[in-house]
Amino acid sequence: MVKYFLVFLSCFLALSCTKNGCTDEFATNFSSDATKDDGSCLYSPPIIELMGNDTVYLCLQEVYTDSGFFAQDIYGNDITTYVEVDNELNIDSAGFYEINYSVTDSNGNSFSTKRVIKVEICLENFLGNYQVSDDCQVSLVFMDVSLINDSQSISEGDADNEIFILNFNPFINQVSAVIENENIIIEESIFSIAQVPLNLDVIISGNGTISNNGNVITLNYNYDLGLLGVGNCQATYSKQ
């Protein structure tokens, strides 16, 4: 009888001394008093560290090279190879893009982060040869004149953000412009149309924008013909 009682007592004491809880010291709810793991452990998510800048600026059509990244779980294991990258970057169109990085560890916890890519219109995107269509023909007293040539080119200017529009018209070869991102401002230029008995000074200026893909420039010109009046016209530049 005493033997059975001692067996019962030892079993009772063993059960009463058992404490359920999280026994994994890497868990956020680890219990140092727990003697039996009850599956209640909670874990912090893994981390992803981006190399380089979180925001990257590119010129239109500039090749992008990722600076890299590193991922680690709570145990200190390198899980970089498990990172999934979702990249929808389009370098052929100006705008904001995101590259998303995500990873899931062995505990089922996930983490994600992103890098922002801004594709911008830069000065070099304006440079090149253009075919021009326009409605910039004016009727003078003795003749009709086109203020814009149908074939022009754009080269880099002498100052920052300056460009030259070359082969502008039969009366002036070059006009200057300033670019501000996708915007272009044509500085005021004066040229003379000389045709006996007419000698007419013309003032022309304008502004416009380049398309998101950098292939088309739309310019709105304002011109002053002096006594013959003022006017405006539009020219579309298509890159060749």
C-alpha atoms as a PDB file:
ATOM      1  CA  MET A   1       0.000   0.000   0.000  1.00  0.00           C
ATOM      2  CA  VAL A   2       2.811   2.391   0.925  1.00  0.00           C
ATOM      3  CA  LYS A   3       4.568   1.529  -2.325  1.00  0.00           C
ATOM      4  CA  TYR A   4       1.552   2.552  -4.417  1.00  0.00           C
ATOM      5  CA  PHE A   5       1.149   5.734  -2.445  1.00  0.00           C
ATOM      6  CA  LEU A   6       4.762   6.747  -3.052  1.00  0.00           C
ATOM      7  CA  VAL A   7       4.400   6.099  -6.772  1.00  0.00           C
ATOM      8  CA  PHE A   8       1.239   8.239  -6.863  1.00  0.00           C
ATOM      9  CA  LEU A   9       2.923  11.013  -4.863  1.00  0.00           C
ATOM     10  CA  SER A  10       5.974  11.120  -7.142  1.00  0.00           C
ATOM     11  CA  CYS A  11       3.766  11.352 -10.211  1.00  0.00           C
ATOM     12  CA  PHE A  12       1.680  14.117  -8.635  1.00  0.00           C
ATOM     13  CA  LEU A  13       4.775  16.108  -7.665  1.00  0.00           C
ATOM     14  CA  ALA A  14       6.241  15.703 -11.150  1.00  0.00           C
ATOM     15  CA  LEU A  15       3.076  17.044 -12.759  1.00  0.00           C
ATOM     16  CA  SER A  16       2.741  19.908 -10.295  1.00  0.00           C
ATOM     17  CA  CYS A  17       6.348  20.979 -10.969  1.00  0.00           C
ATOM     18  CA  THR A  18       5.835  21.098 -14.764  1.00  0.00           C
ATOM     19  CA  LYS A  19       5.192  24.609 -16.131  1.00  0.00           C
ATOM     20  CA  ASN A  20       4.029  25.070 -19.682  1.00  0.00           C
ATOM     21  CA  GLY A  21       5.240  28.021 -21.756  1.00  0.00           C
ATOM     22  CA  CYS A  22       7.699  29.135 -24.422  1.00  0.00           C
ATOM     23  CA  THR A  23      11.091  27.573 -23.888  1.00  0.00           C
ATOM     24  CA  ASP A  24      12.853  29.090 -26.932  1.00  0.00           C
ATOM     25  CA  GLU A  25      15.172  31.863 -25.767  1.00  0.00           C
ATOM     26  CA  PHE A  26      14.999  33.495 -29.215  1.00  0.00           C
ATOM     27  CA  ALA A  27      11.266  34.059 -28.840  1.00  0.00           C
ATOM     28  CA  THR A  28       9.843  37.402 -27.739  1.00  0.00           C
ATOM     29  CA  ASN A  29       7.737  35.662 -25.065  1.00  0.00           C
ATOM     30  CA  PHE A  30      10.446  33.302 -23.812  1.00  0.00           C
ATOM     31  CA  SER A  31       9.781  32.135 -20.241  1.00  0.00           C
ATOM     32  CA  SER A  32      12.782  31.082 -18.185  1.00  0.00           C
ATOM     33  CA  ASP A  33      10.426  29.331 -15.751  1.00  0.00           C
ATOM     34  CA  ALA A  34       8.819  27.126 -18.383  1.00  0.00           C
ATOM     35  CA  THR A  35       9.857  23.479 -18.361  1.00  0.00           C
ATOM     36  CA  LYS A  36       7.625  22.311 -21.207  1.00  0.00           C
ATOM     37  CA  ASP A  37       7.176  24.086 -24.527  1.00  0.00           C
ATOM     38  CA  ASP A  38       3.480  24.512 -25.285  1.00  0.00           C
ATOM     39  CA  GLY A  39       3.872  25.884 -28.800  1.00  0.00           C
ATOM     40  CA  SER A  40       3.045  29.451 -27.771  1.00  0.00           C
ATOM     41  CA  CYS A  41       6.370  31.004 -28.830  1.00  0.00           C
ATOM     42  CA  LEU A  42       6.211  34.290 -30.722  1.00  0.00           C
ATOM     43  CA  TYR A  43       9.067  35.536 -32.883  1.00  0.00           C
ATOM     44  CA  SER A  44      10.222  38.831 -34.301  1.00  0.00           C
ATOM     45  CA  PRO A  45      10.208  39.009 -38.109  1.00  0.00           C
ATOM     46  CA  PRO A  46      13.416  38.755 -40.118  1.00  0.00           C
ATOM     47  CA  ILE A  47      15.152  41.875 -41.392  1.00  0.00           C
ATOM     48  CA  ILE A  48      16.196  43.111 -44.826  1.00  0.00           C
ATOM     49  CA  GLU A  49      18.913  45.731 -45.037  1.00  0.00           C
ATOM     50  CA  LEU A  50      19.182  47.662 -48.300  1.00  0.00           C
ATOM     51  CA  MET A  51      22.626  48.627 -49.502  1.00  0.00           C
ATOM     52  CA  GLY A  52      22.948  52.114 -50.961  1.00  0.00           C
ATOM     53  CA  ASN A  53      20.183  54.724 -50.946  1.00  0.00           C
ATOM     54  CA  ASP A  54      16.507  54.119 -50.280  1.00  0.00           C
ATOM     55  CA  THR A  55      15.705  56.596 -53.076  1.00  0.00           C
ATOM     56  CA  VAL A  56      17.609  56.476 -56.376  1.00  0.00           C
ATOM     57  CA  TYR A  57      17.481  59.061 -59.164  1.00  0.00           C
ATOM     58  CA  LEU A  58      17.974  58.013 -62.783  1.00  0.00           C
ATOM     59  CA  CYS A  59      17.919  59.848 -66.075  1.00  0.00           C
ATOM     60  CA  LEU A  60      15.491  58.561 -68.660  1.00  0.00           C
ATOM     61  CA  GLN A  61      16.897  55.413 -70.347  1.00  0.00           C
ATOM     62  CA  GLU A  62      19.757  55.176 -67.831  1.00  0.00           C
ATOM     63  CA  VAL A  63      20.570  51.573 -66.931  1.00  0.00           C
ATOM     64  CA  TYR A  64      19.751  50.717 -63.292  1.00  0.00           C
ATOM     65  CA  THR A  65      22.008  48.498 -61.199  1.00  0.00           C
ATOM     66  CA  ASP A  66      20.707  47.457 -57.792  1.00  0.00           C
ATOM     67  CA  SER A  67      23.057  48.284 -54.896  1.00  0.00           C
ATOM     68  CA  GLY A  68      22.228  44.995 -53.202  1.00  0.00           C
ATOM     69  CA  PHE A  69      20.566  43.853 -49.973  1.00  0.00           C
ATOM     70  CA  PHE A  70      21.064  41.517 -47.018  1.00  0.00           C
ATOM     71  CA  ALA A  71      18.502  39.471 -45.081  1.00  0.00           C
ATOM     72  CA  GLN A  72      18.828  37.747 -41.690  1.00  0.00           C
ATOM     73  CA  ASP A  73      16.479  35.814 -39.411  1.00  0.00           C
ATOM     74  CA  ILE A  74      16.302  36.088 -35.622  1.00  0.00           C
ATOM     75  CA  TYR A  75      18.810  33.286 -35.229  1.00  0.00           C
ATOM     76  CA  GLY A  76      21.438  35.250 -37.153  1.00  0.00           C
ATOM     77  CA  ASN A  77      21.168  33.070 -40.248  1.00  0.00           C
ATOM     78  CA  ASP A  78      21.774  34.645 -43.651  1.00  0.00           C
ATOM     79  CA  ILE A  79      18.541  34.234 -45.639  1.00  0.00           C
ATOM     80  CA  THR A  80      19.385  36.659 -48.441  1.00  0.00           C
ATOM     81  CA  THR A  81      18.871  33.979 -51.089  1.00  0.00           C
ATOM     82  CA  TYR A  82      15.221  33.680 -50.006  1.00  0.00           C
ATOM     83  CA  VAL A  83      14.433  37.345 -50.686  1.00  0.00           C
ATOM     84  CA  GLU A  84      11.884  37.895 -53.442  1.00  0.00           C
ATOM     85  CA  VAL A  85      12.286  41.062 -55.515  1.00  0.00           C
ATOM     86  CA  ASP A  86       9.362  42.658 -57.333  1.00  0.00           C
ATOM     87  CA  ASN A  87      10.785  45.138 -59.825  1.00  0.00           C
ATOM     88  CA  GLU A  88       8.431  47.071 -62.122  1.00  0.00           C
ATOM     89  CA  LEU A  89      10.965  49.775 -63.044  1.00  0.00           C
ATOM     90  CA  ASN A  90      10.565  51.229 -66.539  1.00  0.00           C
ATOM     91  CA  ILE A  91      13.561  53.367 -67.487  1.00  0.00           C
ATOM     92  CA  ASP A  92      11.875  54.329 -70.781  1.00  0.00           C
ATOM     93  CA  SER A  93       9.227  56.470 -69.085  1.00  0.00           C
ATOM     94  CA  ALA A  94       9.722  59.255 -66.535  1.00  0.00           C
ATOM     95  CA  GLY A  95       8.023  58.769 -63.174  1.00  0.00           C
ATOM     96  CA  PHE A  96       8.235  57.172 -59.728  1.00  0.00           C
ATOM     97  CA  TYR A  97       8.732  53.428 -59.367  1.00  0.00           C
ATOM     98  CA  GLU A  98       9.151  51.019 -56.444  1.00  0.00           C
ATOM     99  CA  ILE A  99      11.297  47.938 -56.096  1.00  0.00           C
ATOM    100  CA  ASN A 100       9.852  45.734 -53.340  1.00  0.00           C
ATOM    101  CA  TYR A 101      11.899  43.213 -51.354  1.00  0.00           C
ATOM    102  CA  SER A 102      10.219  40.551 -49.176  1.00  0.00           C
ATOM    103  CA  VAL A 103      11.305  37.458 -47.249  1.00  0.00           C
ATOM    104  CA  THR A 104       9.711  34.808 -45.017  1.00  0.00           C
ATOM    105  CA  ASP A 105      11.713  32.940 -42.368  1.00  0.00           C
ATOM    106  CA  SER A 106      11.428  29.396 -41.020  1.00  0.00           C
ATOM    107  CA  ASN A 107       8.973  30.578 -38.357  1.00  0.00           C
ATOM    108  CA  GLY A 108       6.569  31.828 -41.025  1.00  0.00           C
ATOM    109  CA  ASN A 109       7.203  35.485 -40.232  1.00  0.00           C
ATOM    110  CA  SER A 110       7.562  37.905 -43.141  1.00  0.00           C
ATOM    111  CA  PHE A 111       9.226  41.255 -43.676  1.00  0.00           C
ATOM    112  CA  SER A 112       9.234  43.618 -46.628  1.00  0.00           C
ATOM    113  CA  THR A 113      10.830  46.917 -47.573  1.00  0.00           C
ATOM    114  CA  LYS A 114      11.163  48.986 -50.720  1.00  0.00           C
ATOM    115  CA  ARG A 115      13.469  51.197 -52.713  1.00  0.00           C
ATOM    116  CA  VAL A 116      12.020  54.162 -54.624  1.00  0.00           C
ATOM    117  CA  ILE A 117      13.359  54.904 -58.111  1.00  0.00           C
ATOM    118  CA  LYS A 118      12.658  58.272 -59.714  1.00  0.00           C
ATOM    119  CA  VAL A 119      13.256  58.345 -63.467  1.00  0.00           C
ATOM    120  CA  GLU A 120      13.773  61.948 -64.544  1.00  0.00           C
ATOM    121  CA  ILE A 121      14.069  63.872 -67.784  1.00  0.00           C
ATOM    122  CA  CYS A 122      17.673  65.075 -67.970  1.00  0.00           C
ATOM    123  CA  LEU A 123      19.437  67.442 -70.333  1.00  0.00           C
ATOM    124  CA  GLU A 124      20.852  64.615 -72.433  1.00  0.00           C
ATOM    125  CA  ASN A 125      17.331  63.392 -73.159  1.00  0.00           C
ATOM    126  CA  PHE A 126      16.674  66.580 -75.149  1.00  0.00           C
ATOM    127  CA  LEU A 127      19.713  66.208 -77.404  1.00  0.00           C
ATOM    128  CA  GLY A 128      19.383  64.844 -80.930  1.00  0.00           C
ATOM    129  CA  ASN A 129      17.850  65.408 -84.347  1.00  0.00           C
ATOM    130  CA  TYR A 130      14.171  66.225 -84.779  1.00  0.00           C
ATOM    131  CA  GLN A 131      11.545  66.316 -87.475  1.00  0.00           C
ATOM    132  CA  VAL A 132       9.225  69.269 -86.850  1.00  0.00           C
ATOM    133  CA  SER A 133       5.573  69.756 -87.754  1.00  0.00           C
ATOM    134  CA  ASP A 134       4.070  73.173 -87.027  1.00  0.00           C
ATOM    135  CA  ASP A 135       1.526  75.829 -87.889  1.00  0.00           C
ATOM    136  CA  CYS A 136       4.047  78.677 -87.703  1.00  0.00           C
ATOM    137  CA  GLN A 137       3.533  80.113 -91.193  1.00  0.00           C
ATOM    138  CA  VAL A 138       2.794  83.845 -91.389  1.00  0.00           C
ATOM    139  CA  SER A 139       1.720  86.012 -94.303  1.00  0.00           C
ATOM    140  CA  LEU A 140       3.709  89.192 -94.741  1.00  0.00           C
ATOM    141  CA  VAL A 141       3.029  91.956 -97.195  1.00  0.00           C
ATOM    142  CA  PHE A 142       5.033  90.506-100.059  1.00  0.00           C
ATOM    143  CA  MET A 143       5.492  86.869 -99.118  1.00  0.00           C
ATOM    144  CA  ASP A 144       4.573  83.971 -96.862  1.00  0.00           C
ATOM    145  CA  VAL A 145       7.199  82.957 -94.317  1.00  0.00           C
ATOM    146  CA  SER A 146       7.693  79.866 -92.152  1.00  0.00           C
ATOM    147  CA  LEU A 147       9.093  80.804 -88.753  1.00  0.00           C
ATOM    148  CA  ILE A 148      10.179  77.219 -88.030  1.00  0.00           C
ATOM    149  CA  ASN A 149      12.269  74.833 -90.127  1.00  0.00           C
ATOM    150  CA  ASP A 150      10.903  71.313 -90.461  1.00  0.00           C
ATOM    151  CA  SER A 151      14.251  69.716 -89.602  1.00  0.00           C
ATOM    152  CA  GLN A 152      16.151  70.865 -86.515  1.00  0.00           C
ATOM    153  CA  SER A 153      18.593  69.548 -83.940  1.00  0.00           C
ATOM    154  CA  ILE A 154      19.234  70.219 -80.269  1.00  0.00           C
ATOM    155  CA  SER A 155      22.696  70.407 -78.736  1.00  0.00           C
ATOM    156  CA  GLU A 156      24.043  71.125 -75.259  1.00  0.00           C
ATOM    157  CA  GLY A 157      24.436  74.810 -74.415  1.00  0.00           C
ATOM    158  CA  ASP A 158      27.220  76.689 -72.686  1.00  0.00           C
ATOM    159  CA  ALA A 159      25.523  77.096 -69.288  1.00  0.00           C
ATOM    160  CA  ASP A 160      23.944  74.598 -66.898  1.00  0.00           C
ATOM    161  CA  ASN A 161      20.562  73.354 -68.143  1.00  0.00           C
ATOM    162  CA  GLU A 162      20.976  75.299 -71.396  1.00  0.00           C
ATOM    163  CA  ILE A 163      20.357  73.860 -74.846  1.00  0.00           C
ATOM    164  CA  PHE A 164      20.652  75.247 -78.362  1.00  0.00           C
ATOM    165  CA  ILE A 165      18.013  74.650 -81.030  1.00  0.00           C
ATOM    166  CA  LEU A 166      19.954  74.596 -84.307  1.00  0.00           C
ATOM    167  CA  ASN A 167      18.788  75.220 -87.892  1.00  0.00           C
ATOM    168  CA  PHE A 168      15.848  77.079 -86.353  1.00  0.00           C
ATOM    169  CA  ASN A 169      14.712  78.884 -89.510  1.00  0.00           C
ATOM    170  CA  PRO A 170      16.185  80.491 -92.659  1.00  0.00           C
ATOM    171  CA  PHE A 171      16.830  83.742 -90.794  1.00  0.00           C
ATOM    172  CA  ILE A 172      18.444  82.589 -87.553  1.00  0.00           C
ATOM    173  CA  ASN A 173      20.404  79.377 -87.112  1.00  0.00           C
ATOM    174  CA  GLN A 174      20.342  79.079 -83.335  1.00  0.00           C
ATOM    175  CA  VAL A 175      18.039  79.945 -80.438  1.00  0.00           C
ATOM    176  CA  SER A 176      18.701  79.267 -76.767  1.00  0.00           C
ATOM    177  CA  ALA A 177      16.473  77.486 -74.290  1.00  0.00           C
ATOM    178  CA  VAL A 178      16.562  76.508 -70.630  1.00  0.00           C
ATOM    179  CA  ILE A 179      15.248  73.194 -69.350  1.00  0.00           C
ATOM    180  CA  GLU A 180      13.672  72.545 -65.952  1.00  0.00           C
ATOM    181  CA  ASN A 181      12.984  68.832 -65.642  1.00  0.00           C
ATOM    182  CA  GLU A 182      10.503  68.079 -68.437  1.00  0.00           C
ATOM    183  CA  ASN A 183       9.840  71.769 -69.128  1.00  0.00           C
ATOM    184  CA  ILE A 184      11.609  73.852 -71.758  1.00  0.00           C
ATOM    185  CA  ILE A 185      11.650  77.645 -71.945  1.00  0.00           C
ATOM    186  CA  ILE A 186      12.666  79.287 -75.223  1.00  0.00           C
ATOM    187  CA  GLU A 187      14.502  82.491 -74.490  1.00  0.00           C
ATOM    188  CA  GLU A 188      13.555  85.576 -76.469  1.00  0.00           C
ATOM    189  CA  SER A 189      15.369  85.815 -79.801  1.00  0.00           C
ATOM    190  CA  ILE A 190      15.307  88.521 -82.461  1.00  0.00           C
ATOM    191  CA  PHE A 191      15.922  87.962 -86.149  1.00  0.00           C
ATOM    192  CA  SER A 192      15.355  89.999 -89.311  1.00  0.00           C
ATOM    193  CA  ILE A 193      13.421  89.035 -92.386  1.00  0.00           C
ATOM    194  CA  ALA A 194      14.955  90.998 -95.215  1.00  0.00           C
ATOM    195  CA  GLN A 195      13.119  91.095 -98.504  1.00  0.00           C
ATOM    196  CA  VAL A 196      13.212  94.310-100.544  1.00  0.00           C
ATOM    197  CA  PRO A 197      11.450  96.585 -99.862  1.00  0.00           C
ATOM    198  CA  LEU A 198      10.678  94.878 -96.506  1.00  0.00           C
ATOM    199  CA  ASN A 199      13.061  94.591 -93.558  1.00  0.00           C
ATOM    200  CA  LEU A 200      11.167  93.206 -90.600  1.00  0.00           C
ATOM    201  CA  ASP A 201      12.470  92.456 -87.114  1.00  0.00           C
ATOM    202  CA  VAL A 202      10.748  89.469 -85.492  1.00  0.00           C
ATOM    203  CA  ILE A 203      10.797  88.624 -81.776  1.00  0.00           C
ATOM    204  CA  ILE A 204      10.100  84.999 -80.886  1.00  0.00           C
ATOM    205  CA  SER A 205       9.979  83.081 -77.582  1.00  0.00           C
ATOM    206  CA  GLY A 206       8.118  80.121 -76.196  1.00  0.00           C
ATOM    207  CA  ASN A 207       7.761  77.222 -73.813  1.00  0.00           C
ATOM    208  CA  GLY A 208       6.741  73.608 -73.778  1.00  0.00           C
ATOM    209  CA  THR A 209       7.377  70.102 -72.486  1.00  0.00           C
ATOM    210  CA  ILE A 210       8.996  66.844 -73.481  1.00  0.00           C
ATOM    211  CA  SER A 211       7.003  63.606 -73.347  1.00  0.00           C
ATOM    212  CA  ASN A 212       7.554  61.021 -70.609  1.00  0.00           C
ATOM    213  CA  ASN A 213       9.414  58.771 -73.048  1.00  0.00           C
ATOM    214  CA  GLY A 214      11.644  61.626 -74.261  1.00  0.00           C
ATOM    215  CA  ASN A 215      10.720  61.215 -77.919  1.00  0.00           C
ATOM    216  CA  VAL A 216       8.400  64.187 -78.510  1.00  0.00           C
ATOM    217  CA  ILE A 217       8.745  67.851 -77.598  1.00  0.00           C
ATOM    218  CA  THR A 218       5.719  70.138 -77.879  1.00  0.00           C
ATOM    219  CA  LEU A 219       6.533  73.858 -78.006  1.00  0.00           C
ATOM    220  CA  ASN A 220       4.219  76.846 -78.001  1.00  0.00           C
ATOM    221  CA  TYR A 221       5.807  79.854 -79.690  1.00  0.00           C
ATOM    222  CA  ASN A 222       4.868  83.517 -79.331  1.00  0.00           C
ATOM    223  CA  TYR A 223       6.018  85.943 -82.008  1.00  0.00           C
ATOM    224  CA  ASP A 224       5.900  89.688 -82.498  1.00  0.00           C
ATOM    225  CA  LEU A 225       5.976  91.029 -86.059  1.00  0.00           C
ATOM    226  CA  GLY A 226       5.959  94.674 -85.050  1.00  0.00           C
ATOM    227  CA  LEU A 227       3.443  96.689 -87.066  1.00  0.00           C
ATOM    228  CA  LEU A 228       2.142  93.465 -88.613  1.00  0.00           C
ATOM    229  CA  GLY A 229       0.935  92.211 -85.251  1.00  0.00           C
ATOM    230  CA  VAL A 230       1.572  89.422 -82.812  1.00  0.00           C
ATOM    231  CA  GLY A 231       0.627  85.769 -82.789  1.00  0.00           C
ATOM    232  CA  ASN A 232       1.320  82.298 -81.517  1.00  0.00           C
ATOM    233  CA  CYS A 233       1.810  78.874 -83.009  1.00  0.00           C
ATOM    234  CA  GLN A 234       2.639  75.309 -81.984  1.00  0.00           C
ATOM    235  CA  ALA A 235       5.437  73.030 -83.112  1.00  0.00           C
ATOM    236  CA  THR A 236       5.812  69.291 -82.459  1.00  0.00           C
ATOM    237  CA  TYR A 237       9.376  67.920 -82.447  1.00  0.00           C
ATOM    238  CA  SER A 238       9.697  64.174 -83.080  1.00  0.00           C
ATOM    239  CA  LYS A 239      13.093  62.670 -82.288  1.00  0.00           C
ATOM    240  CA  GLN A 240      14.703  60.827 -85.183  1.00  0.00           C
END
